Amino acid sequence: MLLDFFYHLKSNHLPVSIREHLTLLEALDKEIVAYNVDDFYFLSRAIYVKHEQNLDLFDRLFGQFFGDLSKIPIENILLNIDEDWLKANVLKELSDEEKAKIKAAGGLDELLERLKKIVEEQKERHSGGSKWIGTGGTSPFGNSGNNPAGFRIGGNGGNRTAVKVWDQRDFKNYDDDLELNTRNIKMALRKLRILNREGIEDELDIDETIQKTSENAGLLDIKMQASKQNRVKVLLLMDVGGSMDDHIYECSQLFSAAKHQFKHLEFFYFHNCVYEWLWKDNKRRFEDKISTWDLFNKFNKDYKVIFIGDASMSPWEITQPKGSVEYYNEESGLTWLERFKNKYPHFVWLNPVNDGYWQYTQSIQIIRKWSENKMFPLSVSGIGKAMKCLKNSKLTFDL
């Protein structure tokens, strides 16, 4: 069965190897965990999952393979239990007081025999009472009842007095397209790393020291080097206002993560599309504007440009002069976008709108075409792909 589980994971594109499967078998052979679904889940997840973005996929595949225990007929579960294993493991978990209560009820052997007999006789759901397997009541078998020497079967439990829990495990999703937080964004942004050595030589260069010492007939010759640092320079341009108000939370998370991740970060705001002016303070956007030409002159082509916006507007705001909703721009937004592309060869556009809707918005299609498909969704996986694109300008995002 475990081999089938391994093939189930592999066939559904979870990156697993036979070495990991053998590790799982070895751990089970050495009884690293107890014999219950929770412990097996955590053990197999720790071995098979090598990156947190695959946690959700593993959970779903785990649930698919082992199925919903609540749908399995109760007699199929209970009548096939190894009694020797059950007795040995249940007794390990009991206190002296609980063992005394079990003994007072006739002993574990008698409880098991009664359970088997009831399973064979019972034909329908039952609630309350003191005999059948059901909910409530004082029967030794069931859920949410009260018996000091009973087995809890199904549900979330009530008084927590069951000897052994047979229940379904619920798993939480951690899909990289659903879970968007500052920590995950930071991890995605780390893919944009350009490491080089600059500054004070304060780090031992082991390879060069060995080489020079060998050439010096064994006389120690210590060589130092500057430490590696991420020297990437980022220009962050963010759309604000209007329809972007619906995406303030996601954009704030990205901005916060970027400020901590990139040492050389410059940011500016625009509304809908970039024109001849940008600004750094939204409260003073009309009094403290910055010329886009000045931005071109101040920041050289080494900067990686990240546009953040939903690209949702009237098409003429992009294609026509005087198309801006705020003032009469002398040149079209597309003209300024072309200037950005010519100045900064490494750029991407992050869009908080679900990529499934992009094809229905004309302005998004215009900007996607301008960007040569370098528009990516504002999700963890989308940010990761965008960072790779900034390092390799040939990468694109195709729907």
Protein backbone atom coordinates (compact mmCIF):
# COMPACT_ATOMS: atom_id res chain seq x y z
CA MET A 1 0.00 0.00 0.00
CA LEU A 2 2.83 2.43 0.83
CA LEU A 3 4.40 1.81 -2.56
CA ASP A 4 1.05 2.69 -4.18
CA PHE A 5 0.99 5.86 -2.05
CA PHE A 6 4.47 6.76 -3.34
CA TYR A 7 3.38 6.27 -6.96
CA HIS A 8 0.21 8.30 -6.26
CA LEU A 9 2.34 11.25 -5.10
CA LYS A 10 4.76 10.93 -8.01
CA SER A 11 2.08 10.59 -10.68
CA ASN A 12 0.41 13.77 -9.41
CA HIS A 13 3.57 15.83 -9.83
CA LEU A 14 4.78 15.98 -6.24
CA PRO A 15 8.60 15.91 -6.51
CA VAL A 16 9.45 12.72 -4.60
CA SER A 17 12.20 10.14 -5.06
CA ILE A 18 12.64 6.47 -4.19
CA ARG A 19 15.28 7.47 -1.63
CA GLU A 20 12.63 9.36 0.36
CA HIS A 21 10.27 6.41 0.14
CA LEU A 22 12.95 4.10 1.53
CA THR A 23 13.56 6.60 4.33
CA LEU A 24 9.86 6.46 5.23
CA LEU A 25 9.92 2.65 5.30
CA GLU A 26 13.02 2.70 7.49
CA ALA A 27 11.38 5.15 9.91
CA LEU A 28 8.28 2.96 10.15
CA ASP A 29 10.40 -0.15 10.65
CA LYS A 30 12.17 1.52 13.57
CA GLU A 31 8.80 2.62 14.99
CA ILE A 32 9.75 6.31 14.96
CA VAL A 33 6.06 7.20 15.31
CA ALA A 34 3.04 5.58 16.92
CA TYR A 35 0.48 3.66 14.89
CA ASN A 36 -2.02 6.41 14.14
CA VAL A 37 -2.94 8.51 11.11
CA ASP A 38 -1.79 11.83 12.61
CA ASP A 39 1.73 10.63 13.33
CA PHE A 40 2.01 8.87 9.96
CA TYR A 41 0.81 12.04 8.20
CA PHE A 42 3.41 14.24 9.89
CA LEU A 43 6.19 11.70 9.35
CA SER A 44 5.42 11.18 5.66
CA ARG A 45 4.99 14.92 5.11
CA ALA A 46 8.35 15.68 6.75
CA ILE A 47 10.06 13.13 4.49
CA TYR A 48 8.29 13.68 1.18
CA VAL A 49 7.77 17.48 1.17
CA LYS A 50 10.96 19.44 0.49
CA HIS A 51 9.42 22.88 -0.09
CA GLU A 52 6.55 24.57 1.72
CA GLN A 53 4.82 25.45 -1.55
CA ASN A 54 4.07 21.72 -1.95
CA LEU A 55 2.35 21.35 1.44
CA ASP A 56 -1.12 21.88 0.03
CA LEU A 57 -0.56 19.44 -2.84
CA PHE A 58 0.69 16.78 -0.42
CA ASP A 59 -2.32 17.28 1.89
CA ARG A 60 -4.75 16.88 -0.98
CA LEU A 61 -3.00 13.78 -2.33
CA PHE A 62 -2.80 12.29 1.17
CA GLY A 63 -6.56 12.78 1.58
CA GLN A 64 -7.29 11.36 -1.87
CA PHE A 65 -5.25 8.22 -1.32
CA PHE A 66 -6.25 7.31 2.21
CA GLY A 67 -9.79 8.53 1.72
CA ASP A 68 -12.40 9.82 4.09
CA LEU A 69 -12.47 7.44 7.06
CA SER A 70 -16.00 8.49 7.88
CA LYS A 71 -17.20 6.90 4.63
CA ILE A 72 -15.74 3.49 5.45
CA PRO A 73 -18.34 1.14 7.02
CA ILE A 74 -17.59 0.92 10.71
CA GLU A 75 -17.51 -2.88 10.62
CA ASN A 76 -14.71 -2.76 8.04
CA ILE A 77 -12.61 -0.81 10.49
CA LEU A 78 -13.41 -2.50 13.77
CA LEU A 79 -13.63 -6.15 12.78
CA ASN A 80 -10.19 -6.12 11.16
CA ILE A 81 -8.22 -4.68 14.06
CA ASP A 82 -5.34 -6.71 15.46
CA GLU A 83 -6.52 -7.29 19.03
CA ASP A 84 -3.03 -7.95 20.38
CA TRP A 85 -1.75 -4.68 18.92
CA LEU A 86 -4.79 -2.78 20.23
CA LYS A 87 -4.44 -4.13 23.74
CA ALA A 88 -0.71 -3.44 23.90
CA ASN A 89 -0.96 0.13 22.62
CA VAL A 90 -4.14 1.12 24.46
CA LEU A 91 -2.80 -0.05 27.81
CA LYS A 92 0.35 2.03 27.33
CA GLU A 93 -1.74 5.21 27.21
CA LEU A 94 -3.89 4.55 30.27
CA SER A 95 -3.34 5.85 33.77
CA ASP A 96 -3.78 3.54 36.77
CA GLU A 97 -7.18 5.12 37.41
CA GLU A 98 -8.33 4.49 33.83
CA LYS A 99 -7.10 0.90 33.96
CA ALA A 100 -9.17 0.40 37.12
CA LYS A 101 -12.27 1.72 35.37
CA ILE A 102 -11.68 -0.63 32.42
CA LYS A 103 -11.33 -3.54 34.83
CA ALA A 104 -14.54 -2.52 36.59
CA ALA A 105 -16.36 -2.60 33.27
CA GLY A 106 -15.33 -6.21 32.71
CA GLY A 107 -11.88 -5.73 31.21
CA LEU A 108 -10.60 -4.83 27.75
CA ASP A 109 -11.35 -8.31 26.35
CA GLU A 110 -14.99 -8.03 27.30
CA LEU A 111 -15.25 -4.51 25.85
CA LEU A 112 -13.86 -5.70 22.52
CA GLU A 113 -16.25 -8.64 22.37
CA ARG A 114 -19.21 -6.39 23.15
CA LEU A 115 -18.09 -3.93 20.46
CA LYS A 116 -17.86 -6.67 17.79
CA LYS A 117 -21.28 -8.02 18.69
CA ILE A 118 -22.92 -4.59 18.55
CA VAL A 119 -21.29 -3.81 15.17
CA GLU A 120 -22.77 -7.03 13.74
CA GLU A 121 -26.24 -6.28 15.14
CA GLN A 122 -26.59 -2.53 14.62
CA LYS A 123 -28.18 -1.53 11.29
CA GLU A 124 -28.82 2.22 11.65
CA ARG A 125 -27.61 5.43 13.22
CA HIS A 126 -28.40 5.84 16.92
CA SER A 127 -28.35 8.75 19.36
CA GLY A 128 -28.57 8.55 23.12
CA GLY A 129 -29.13 5.42 25.19
CA SER A 130 -26.70 2.98 26.72
CA LYS A 131 -26.30 0.15 24.19
CA TRP A 132 -25.77 1.08 20.50
CA ILE A 133 -22.88 2.88 18.84
CA GLY A 134 -24.00 6.47 18.41
CA THR A 135 -23.83 9.99 19.77
CA GLY A 136 -24.56 11.07 23.30
CA GLY A 137 -25.78 8.61 25.91
CA THR A 138 -23.70 6.34 28.13
CA SER A 139 -22.80 3.51 25.77
CA PRO A 140 -19.10 2.52 25.92
CA PHE A 141 -18.96 3.02 22.14
CA GLY A 142 -19.76 6.18 20.20
CA ASN A 143 -19.21 9.92 20.35
CA SER A 144 -20.05 12.91 22.56
CA GLY A 145 -21.43 10.73 25.32
CA ASN A 146 -20.11 9.89 28.76
CA ASN A 147 -18.60 6.55 29.71
CA PRO A 148 -15.37 6.25 31.70
CA ALA A 149 -14.32 3.08 29.86
CA GLY A 150 -15.34 3.63 26.26
CA PHE A 151 -14.15 3.89 22.68
CA ARG A 152 -14.78 7.18 20.87
CA ILE A 153 -15.81 6.49 17.26
CA GLY A 154 -16.02 9.39 14.76
CA GLY A 155 -16.67 13.10 15.28
CA ASN A 156 -14.72 15.65 17.29
CA GLY A 157 -15.41 14.19 20.67
CA GLY A 158 -17.31 15.53 23.64
CA ASN A 159 -16.15 14.70 27.16
CA ARG A 160 -12.77 13.31 26.04
CA THR A 161 -13.13 10.09 28.07
CA ALA A 162 -12.56 7.63 25.22
CA VAL A 163 -9.91 4.92 25.45
CA LYS A 164 -8.91 5.19 21.79
CA VAL A 165 -9.72 7.70 19.09
CA TRP A 166 -10.62 6.49 15.58
CA ASP A 167 -11.31 9.64 13.66
CA GLN A 168 -10.74 11.54 10.46
CA ARG A 169 -7.81 13.96 10.17
CA ASP A 170 -8.59 17.37 8.65
CA PHE A 171 -5.82 19.19 6.82
CA LYS A 172 -5.31 22.87 6.13
CA ASN A 173 -4.38 24.27 2.73
CA TYR A 174 -1.03 26.00 2.22
CA ASP A 175 -1.27 26.49 -1.54
CA ASP A 176 1.26 29.04 -2.80
CA ASP A 177 -1.47 30.74 -4.86
CA LEU A 178 -3.78 31.09 -1.86
CA GLU A 179 -1.56 31.84 1.10
CA LEU A 180 -0.07 35.31 0.58
CA ASN A 181 1.79 36.83 3.52
CA THR A 182 4.90 38.89 4.10
CA ARG A 183 7.05 35.88 4.97
CA ASN A 184 6.12 33.97 1.82
CA ILE A 185 6.60 37.09 -0.31
CA LYS A 186 10.09 37.56 1.15
CA MET A 187 10.97 33.99 0.17
CA ALA A 188 9.71 34.59 -3.37
CA LEU A 189 11.62 37.89 -3.64
CA ARG A 190 14.85 36.13 -2.64
CA LYS A 191 14.91 34.54 -6.07
CA LEU A 192 16.06 37.94 -7.34
CA ARG A 193 19.58 37.79 -5.97
CA ILE A 194 22.63 39.14 -7.72
CA LEU A 195 25.54 38.39 -5.40
CA ASN A 196 28.89 40.08 -5.80
CA ARG A 197 31.80 41.10 -3.63
CA GLU A 198 32.19 44.76 -2.78
CA GLY A 199 33.57 46.75 0.10
CA ILE A 200 36.02 45.88 2.88
CA GLU A 201 37.87 42.58 2.61
CA ASP A 202 36.72 41.10 5.92
CA GLU A 203 36.10 37.45 4.98
CA LEU A 204 38.68 34.66 4.78
CA ASP A 205 39.21 33.37 1.24
CA ILE A 206 39.90 29.71 2.03
CA ASP A 207 40.64 28.52 -1.52
CA GLU A 208 43.02 31.38 -2.27
CA THR A 209 44.71 30.98 1.13
CA ILE A 210 45.36 27.28 0.48
CA GLN A 211 46.63 28.01 -3.03
CA LYS A 212 49.01 30.77 -1.92
CA THR A 213 50.22 28.79 1.10
CA SER A 214 51.01 25.81 -1.14
CA GLU A 215 52.93 28.05 -3.54
CA ASN A 216 54.79 29.50 -0.55
CA ALA A 217 56.24 26.09 0.49
CA GLY A 218 53.77 25.71 3.36
CA LEU A 219 54.34 29.12 4.91
CA LEU A 220 50.91 30.46 5.79
CA ASP A 221 49.74 33.22 3.45
CA ILE A 222 46.28 34.43 4.50
CA LYS A 223 44.09 35.98 1.82
CA MET A 224 40.94 37.95 2.55
CA GLN A 225 38.00 38.93 0.38
CA ALA A 226 34.90 41.10 0.58
CA SER A 227 31.74 39.25 1.66
CA LYS A 228 29.04 38.45 -0.88
CA GLN A 229 26.01 40.70 -0.75
CA ASN A 230 22.87 41.06 -2.79
CA ARG A 231 23.57 44.18 -4.83
CA VAL A 232 20.43 44.12 -6.95
CA LYS A 233 18.83 47.53 -7.43
CA VAL A 234 15.04 47.71 -7.68
CA LEU A 235 12.72 50.46 -8.89
CA LEU A 236 9.19 49.80 -7.59
CA LEU A 237 6.33 51.64 -9.34
CA MET A 238 2.90 51.19 -7.72
CA ASP A 239 -0.58 52.06 -8.96
CA VAL A 240 -2.77 53.66 -6.27
CA GLY A 241 -6.38 54.80 -6.01
CA GLY A 242 -9.53 53.78 -7.84
CA SER A 243 -9.87 50.04 -8.41
CA MET A 244 -6.52 49.47 -6.68
CA ASP A 245 -8.20 50.24 -3.35
CA ASP A 246 -9.49 46.65 -3.47
CA HIS A 247 -5.92 45.38 -3.38
CA ILE A 248 -4.37 47.59 -0.70
CA TYR A 249 -3.70 44.68 1.67
CA GLU A 250 -1.79 42.53 -0.84
CA CYS A 251 0.20 45.49 -2.17
CA SER A 252 1.08 46.62 1.35
CA GLN A 253 2.43 43.15 2.13
CA LEU A 254 4.55 43.16 -1.00
CA PHE A 255 5.86 46.66 -0.29
CA SER A 256 6.75 45.70 3.28
CA ALA A 257 8.55 42.55 2.15
CA ALA A 258 10.43 44.39 -0.62
CA LYS A 259 11.67 47.09 1.79
CA HIS A 260 13.25 44.39 3.97
CA GLN A 261 14.54 42.25 1.12
CA PHE A 262 16.24 44.82 -1.13
CA LYS A 263 18.90 47.13 0.21
CA HIS A 264 18.79 49.31 -2.91
CA LEU A 265 15.06 49.98 -3.35
CA GLU A 266 13.46 53.10 -4.79
CA PHE A 267 9.68 53.45 -5.03
CA PHE A 268 7.20 55.79 -6.70
CA TYR A 269 3.44 55.94 -7.22
CA PHE A 270 1.24 56.47 -10.27
CA HIS A 271 -2.47 56.25 -11.03
CA ASN A 272 -3.68 53.73 -13.65
CA CYS A 273 -0.80 54.33 -16.10
CA VAL A 274 2.55 56.10 -15.95
CA TYR A 275 2.77 59.51 -17.60
CA GLU A 276 5.17 62.45 -17.26
CA TRP A 277 4.81 62.67 -13.46
CA LEU A 278 5.14 60.31 -10.48
CA TRP A 279 5.21 60.91 -6.74
CA LYS A 280 6.49 59.41 -3.47
CA ASP A 281 3.91 60.75 -1.00
CA ASN A 282 0.25 60.19 -1.83
CA LYS A 283 -0.80 62.98 0.52
CA ARG A 284 1.28 65.46 -1.48
CA ARG A 285 0.85 63.97 -4.93
CA PHE A 286 -0.18 67.25 -6.53
CA GLU A 287 2.37 69.46 -4.76
CA ASP A 288 5.42 67.21 -4.71
CA LYS A 289 5.55 65.58 -8.14
CA ILE A 290 8.65 64.08 -9.74
CA SER A 291 9.31 64.30 -13.44
CA THR A 292 9.52 60.93 -15.16
CA TRP A 293 12.42 62.32 -17.23
CA ASP A 294 14.26 63.07 -13.97
CA LEU A 295 13.65 59.49 -12.87
CA PHE A 296 15.20 58.21 -16.12
CA ASN A 297 18.24 60.43 -15.59
CA LYS A 298 18.71 59.53 -11.93
CA PHE A 299 18.36 55.74 -12.11
CA ASN A 300 20.44 53.91 -14.70
CA LYS A 301 19.55 50.81 -16.68
CA ASP A 302 21.01 48.53 -13.98
CA TYR A 303 17.78 48.93 -12.02
CA LYS A 304 15.18 46.16 -12.18
CA VAL A 305 11.73 47.71 -12.59
CA ILE A 306 8.63 46.19 -10.97
CA PHE A 307 5.25 47.67 -11.89
CA ILE A 308 2.38 46.83 -9.52
CA GLY A 309 -1.14 47.53 -10.74
CA ASP A 310 -4.40 45.96 -11.84
CA ALA A 311 -4.03 47.50 -15.34
CA SER A 312 -7.80 47.98 -15.30
CA MET A 313 -8.85 51.28 -16.90
CA SER A 314 -10.32 52.75 -20.02
CA PRO A 315 -8.18 51.76 -23.03
CA TRP A 316 -7.74 55.39 -24.09
CA GLU A 317 -5.93 56.10 -20.79
CA ILE A 318 -3.14 53.97 -22.26
CA THR A 319 -3.37 54.64 -25.97
CA GLN A 320 -4.45 58.29 -26.33
CA PRO A 321 -2.92 61.66 -25.46
CA LYS A 322 -5.08 63.57 -22.94
CA GLY A 323 -6.56 60.21 -21.95
CA SER A 324 -5.71 60.47 -18.25
CA VAL A 325 -8.70 60.77 -15.93
CA GLU A 326 -6.89 63.42 -13.84
CA TYR A 327 -5.34 65.85 -16.33
CA TYR A 328 -4.56 66.40 -20.01
CA ASN A 329 -1.41 64.42 -20.62
CA GLU A 330 0.44 65.58 -23.71
CA GLU A 331 1.63 62.09 -24.62
CA SER A 332 -0.11 58.73 -24.29
CA GLY A 333 0.60 56.34 -21.46
CA LEU A 334 1.81 53.77 -24.00
CA THR A 335 4.48 56.24 -25.14
CA TRP A 336 5.80 56.50 -21.60
CA LEU A 337 5.62 52.73 -21.13
CA GLU A 338 7.73 52.29 -24.24
CA ARG A 339 10.29 54.69 -22.82
CA PHE A 340 10.44 52.63 -19.65
CA LYS A 341 10.97 49.45 -21.66
CA ASN A 342 13.73 51.05 -23.71
CA LYS A 343 15.47 52.44 -20.62
CA TYR A 344 15.12 49.39 -18.37
CA PRO A 345 15.43 46.07 -20.22
CA HIS A 346 14.68 44.08 -17.05
CA PHE A 347 11.10 44.77 -15.95
CA VAL A 348 7.92 42.91 -14.90
CA TRP A 349 4.32 43.83 -14.13
CA LEU A 350 2.61 42.27 -11.07
CA ASN A 351 -1.19 42.22 -11.31
CA PRO A 352 -3.37 41.57 -8.20
CA VAL A 353 -6.35 40.64 -10.42
CA ASN A 354 -6.88 36.89 -10.78
CA ASP A 355 -5.18 35.87 -14.04
CA GLY A 356 -8.30 33.97 -15.06
CA TYR A 357 -10.01 37.33 -15.71
CA TRP A 358 -7.20 39.05 -17.63
CA GLN A 359 -8.54 38.03 -21.02
CA TYR A 360 -11.82 39.87 -20.39
CA THR A 361 -10.26 43.31 -19.75
CA GLN A 362 -9.05 45.19 -22.83
CA SER A 363 -6.61 47.44 -20.95
CA ILE A 364 -4.94 44.40 -19.34
CA GLN A 365 -4.51 42.87 -22.77
CA ILE A 366 -2.90 46.08 -24.06
CA ILE A 367 -0.37 46.21 -21.23
CA ARG A 368 0.31 42.47 -21.47
CA LYS A 369 1.10 42.91 -25.14
CA TRP A 370 3.34 45.90 -24.39
CA SER A 371 5.17 43.91 -21.68
CA GLU A 372 5.69 40.96 -24.05
CA ASN A 373 3.85 38.70 -21.56
CA LYS A 374 5.94 39.81 -18.59
CA MET A 375 2.80 40.36 -16.53
CA PHE A 376 2.54 37.98 -13.55
CA PRO A 377 -0.19 37.42 -10.93
CA LEU A 378 0.37 38.88 -7.47
CA SER A 379 0.65 35.49 -5.77
CA VAL A 380 3.61 33.75 -4.18
CA SER A 381 4.24 31.62 -7.26
CA GLY A 382 3.63 34.60 -9.56
CA ILE A 383 6.15 36.74 -7.65
CA GLY A 384 8.68 33.91 -7.78
CA LYS A 385 8.29 33.63 -11.56
CA ALA A 386 8.56 37.40 -11.93
CA MET A 387 11.84 37.44 -9.99
CA LYS A 388 13.24 34.74 -12.28
CA CYS A 389 12.11 36.82 -15.26
CA LEU A 390 14.02 39.84 -13.93
CA LYS A 391 17.18 37.71 -13.92
CA ASN A 392 16.40 36.20 -17.32
CA SER A 393 14.44 38.63 -19.49
CA LYS A 394 13.45 35.84 -21.90
CA LEU A 395 11.10 34.23 -19.39
CA THR A 396 7.40 35.13 -19.77
CA PHE A 397 4.01 34.26 -18.26
CA ASP A 398 1.54 32.58 -20.62
CA LEU A 399 -2.08 31.95 -19.69
